Structure formats: C-alpha cells, structure tokens
C-alpha cells in the first residue's frame, strides 16, 4: 500500500464516522421521559426513590441510632 491509498482510506473512515455521528446526534429521540415518569419506572422496579433532603435525614437518624 502506498501513501495515497492509505490517505484515501483514512479520509473515507473519517467521512464515514462524521456522517454516522451527525446522523446519530441530529436524529436523537425527541420524546424524553419526564422526571415523574422516570421515578415511577424506578419504583415499579422495586426501588425506593428519596429526595436529597430525605436521604440526609435518613443518614442523620441512622447515625444517631448507632451512637
């Protein structure tokens, strides 16, 4: 392989990656779920969702109980 062949191959890969990347980012999903929908899905999966304030209070209560 000579210099021109390698250069043409590299340009082709760069062009392909640019084309695929631009298509991926420009045609992204427009229907993003809301925060409430995400919380509901997490709770339906069996997890507990706490706000930051509730989490800090839980940690504080737990540290008080361990003394």
N, C-alpha and C. Protein backbone atom coordinates (compact mmCIF):
# COMPACT_ATOMS: atom_id res chain seq x y z
N UNK A 1 0.84 -1.18 0.00
CA UNK A 1 0.00 0.00 0.00
C UNK A 1 0.89 1.24 0.00
N UNK A 2 0.55 2.12 -0.89
CA UNK A 2 1.34 3.34 -0.95
C UNK A 2 0.67 4.46 -0.15
N UNK A 3 1.30 5.60 -0.15
CA UNK A 3 0.87 6.74 0.64
C UNK A 3 -0.54 7.22 0.26
N UNK A 4 -0.83 7.27 -1.02
CA UNK A 4 -2.14 7.76 -1.48
C UNK A 4 -3.27 6.81 -1.08
N UNK A 5 -3.01 5.53 -1.12
CA UNK A 5 -4.04 4.55 -0.76
C UNK A 5 -4.39 4.66 0.72
N UNK A 6 -3.37 4.78 1.55
CA UNK A 6 -3.60 4.91 3.00
C UNK A 6 -4.33 6.21 3.30
N UNK A 7 -3.94 7.27 2.63
CA UNK A 7 -4.59 8.57 2.85
C UNK A 7 -6.06 8.52 2.42
N UNK A 8 -6.34 7.90 1.30
CA UNK A 8 -7.72 7.79 0.83
C UNK A 8 -8.55 6.94 1.79
N UNK A 9 -7.95 5.88 2.29
CA UNK A 9 -8.65 5.03 3.25
C UNK A 9 -8.96 5.80 4.53
N UNK A 10 -7.99 6.57 5.03
CA UNK A 10 -8.19 7.37 6.24
C UNK A 10 -9.28 8.42 6.04
N UNK A 11 -9.27 9.05 4.89
CA UNK A 11 -10.30 10.06 4.60
C UNK A 11 -11.68 9.40 4.52
N UNK A 12 -11.76 8.22 3.96
CA UNK A 12 -13.03 7.51 3.89
C UNK A 12 -13.56 7.15 5.27
N UNK A 13 -12.68 6.70 6.16
CA UNK A 13 -13.09 6.38 7.53
C UNK A 13 -13.54 7.64 8.25
N UNK A 14 -12.80 8.72 8.11
CA UNK A 14 -13.16 9.99 8.74
C UNK A 14 -14.52 10.49 8.23
N UNK A 15 -14.73 10.41 6.94
CA UNK A 15 -16.01 10.83 6.36
C UNK A 15 -17.16 9.97 6.88
N UNK A 16 -16.95 8.67 6.91
CA UNK A 16 -17.99 7.75 7.39
C UNK A 16 -18.32 8.00 8.86
N UNK A 17 -17.30 8.18 9.67
CA UNK A 17 -17.52 8.44 11.10
C UNK A 17 -18.26 9.76 11.30
N UNK A 18 -17.91 10.77 10.52
CA UNK A 18 -18.59 12.06 10.61
C UNK A 18 -20.06 11.94 10.20
N UNK A 19 -20.30 11.22 9.15
CA UNK A 19 -21.67 11.04 8.66
C UNK A 19 -22.52 10.29 9.68
N UNK A 20 -22.01 9.21 10.21
CA UNK A 20 -22.75 8.42 11.20
C UNK A 20 -22.96 9.22 12.48
N UNK A 21 -21.92 9.94 12.93
CA UNK A 21 -22.03 10.75 14.14
C UNK A 21 -23.05 11.86 14.01
N UNK A 22 -23.04 12.56 12.89
CA UNK A 22 -24.01 13.64 12.70
C UNK A 22 -25.43 13.09 12.62
N UNK A 23 -25.61 11.97 11.96
CA UNK A 23 -26.94 11.35 11.89
C UNK A 23 -27.42 10.95 13.28
N UNK A 24 -26.53 10.38 14.07
CA UNK A 24 -26.88 9.94 15.43
C UNK A 24 -27.32 11.11 16.30
N UNK A 25 -26.55 12.20 16.28
CA UNK A 25 -26.85 13.32 17.17
C UNK A 25 -27.99 14.19 16.66
N UNK A 26 -28.19 14.27 15.37
CA UNK A 26 -29.24 15.14 14.84
C UNK A 26 -30.61 14.47 14.81
N UNK A 27 -30.66 13.16 14.85
CA UNK A 27 -31.96 12.47 14.80
C UNK A 27 -32.26 11.78 16.12
N UNK A 28 -31.76 12.34 17.22
CA UNK A 28 -31.98 11.75 18.54
C UNK A 28 -33.46 11.77 18.92
N UNK A 29 -33.78 11.03 19.94
CA UNK A 29 -35.16 10.91 20.41
C UNK A 29 -35.65 12.26 20.95
N UNK A 30 -36.78 12.69 20.48
CA UNK A 30 -37.38 13.95 20.93
C UNK A 30 -38.32 13.73 22.12
N UNK A 31 -38.70 12.49 22.38
CA UNK A 31 -39.64 12.18 23.44
C UNK A 31 -38.89 11.69 24.68
N UNK A 32 -38.32 12.63 25.41
CA UNK A 32 -37.60 12.28 26.62
C UNK A 32 -38.60 12.17 27.76
N UNK A 33 -38.48 11.13 28.59
CA UNK A 33 -39.43 10.96 29.69
C UNK A 33 -39.25 12.05 30.75
N UNK A 34 -40.34 12.40 31.42
CA UNK A 34 -40.27 13.41 32.47
C UNK A 34 -39.69 12.78 33.73
N UNK A 35 -39.37 13.62 34.69
CA UNK A 35 -38.81 13.15 35.94
C UNK A 35 -39.79 12.24 36.68
N UNK A 36 -41.06 12.59 36.64
CA UNK A 36 -42.07 11.77 37.32
C UNK A 36 -42.20 10.40 36.67
N UNK A 37 -42.12 10.34 35.35
CA UNK A 37 -42.19 9.05 34.66
C UNK A 37 -40.99 8.17 35.01
N UNK A 38 -39.83 8.78 35.12
CA UNK A 38 -38.63 8.02 35.48
C UNK A 38 -38.75 7.50 36.90
N UNK A 39 -39.22 8.35 37.82
CA UNK A 39 -39.40 7.91 39.21
C UNK A 39 -40.37 6.75 39.29
N UNK A 40 -41.46 6.82 38.53
CA UNK A 40 -42.45 5.75 38.55
C UNK A 40 -41.85 4.44 38.04
N UNK A 41 -41.06 4.49 36.99
CA UNK A 41 -40.43 3.29 36.46
C UNK A 41 -39.48 2.68 37.49
N UNK A 42 -38.74 3.52 38.18
CA UNK A 42 -37.80 3.02 39.20
C UNK A 42 -38.56 2.39 40.35
N UNK A 43 -39.64 3.03 40.80
CA UNK A 43 -40.44 2.49 41.89
C UNK A 43 -41.12 1.19 41.48
N UNK A 44 -41.57 1.11 40.24
CA UNK A 44 -42.19 -0.12 39.74
C UNK A 44 -41.19 -1.28 39.71
N UNK A 45 -39.91 -0.95 39.57
CA UNK A 45 -38.87 -1.98 39.55
C UNK A 45 -38.51 -2.44 40.96
N UNK A 46 -39.11 -1.82 41.99
CA UNK A 46 -38.88 -2.26 43.35
C UNK A 46 -37.88 -1.43 44.13
N UNK A 47 -37.47 -0.29 43.59
CA UNK A 47 -36.52 0.57 44.28
C UNK A 47 -37.26 1.69 44.99
N UNK A 48 -36.60 2.32 45.96
CA UNK A 48 -37.16 3.45 46.69
C UNK A 48 -36.45 4.71 46.22
N UNK A 49 -37.24 5.73 45.91
CA UNK A 49 -36.68 7.00 45.43
C UNK A 49 -36.83 8.03 46.55
N UNK A 50 -35.69 8.61 46.96
CA UNK A 50 -35.69 9.63 48.01
C UNK A 50 -35.16 10.94 47.45
N UNK A 51 -35.66 12.04 47.99
CA UNK A 51 -35.07 13.33 47.65
C UNK A 51 -33.77 13.46 48.43
N UNK A 52 -32.97 14.45 48.08
CA UNK A 52 -31.70 14.64 48.78
C UNK A 52 -31.93 14.95 50.26
N UNK A 53 -32.94 15.74 50.54
CA UNK A 53 -33.26 16.09 51.92
C UNK A 53 -33.69 14.85 52.72
N UNK A 54 -34.53 14.01 52.13
CA UNK A 54 -34.95 12.77 52.80
C UNK A 54 -33.76 11.85 53.05
N UNK A 55 -32.84 11.79 52.10
CA UNK A 55 -31.65 10.94 52.24
C UNK A 55 -30.76 11.44 53.37
N UNK A 56 -30.54 12.76 53.44
CA UNK A 56 -29.72 13.31 54.52
C UNK A 56 -30.37 13.06 55.88
N UNK A 57 -31.69 13.20 55.95
CA UNK A 57 -32.39 12.96 57.21
C UNK A 57 -32.27 11.50 57.62
N UNK A 58 -32.36 10.60 56.67
CA UNK A 58 -32.22 9.17 56.94
C UNK A 58 -30.81 8.86 57.46
N UNK A 59 -29.80 9.44 56.84
CA UNK A 59 -28.42 9.25 57.31
C UNK A 59 -28.23 9.80 58.71
N UNK A 60 -28.79 10.98 58.98
CA UNK A 60 -28.67 11.59 60.29
C UNK A 60 -29.34 10.72 61.35
N UNK A 61 -30.55 10.25 61.06
CA UNK A 61 -31.26 9.39 62.01
C UNK A 61 -30.50 8.09 62.25
N UNK A 62 -29.91 7.54 61.20
CA UNK A 62 -29.18 6.29 61.31
C UNK A 62 -27.91 6.49 62.16
N UNK A 63 -27.23 7.62 61.98
CA UNK A 63 -26.02 7.88 62.77
C UNK A 63 -26.36 8.13 64.24
N UNK A 64 -27.52 8.73 64.49
CA UNK A 64 -27.95 8.97 65.87
C UNK A 64 -28.29 7.64 66.57
N UNK A 65 -28.87 6.70 65.83
CA UNK A 65 -29.25 5.41 66.39
C UNK A 65 -28.03 4.54 66.67
N UNK A 66 -26.94 4.75 65.95
CA UNK A 66 -25.74 3.92 66.12
C UNK A 66 -24.86 4.39 67.27
N UNK A 67 -25.15 5.52 67.85
CA UNK A 67 -24.32 6.04 68.97
C UNK A 67 -24.63 5.36 70.26
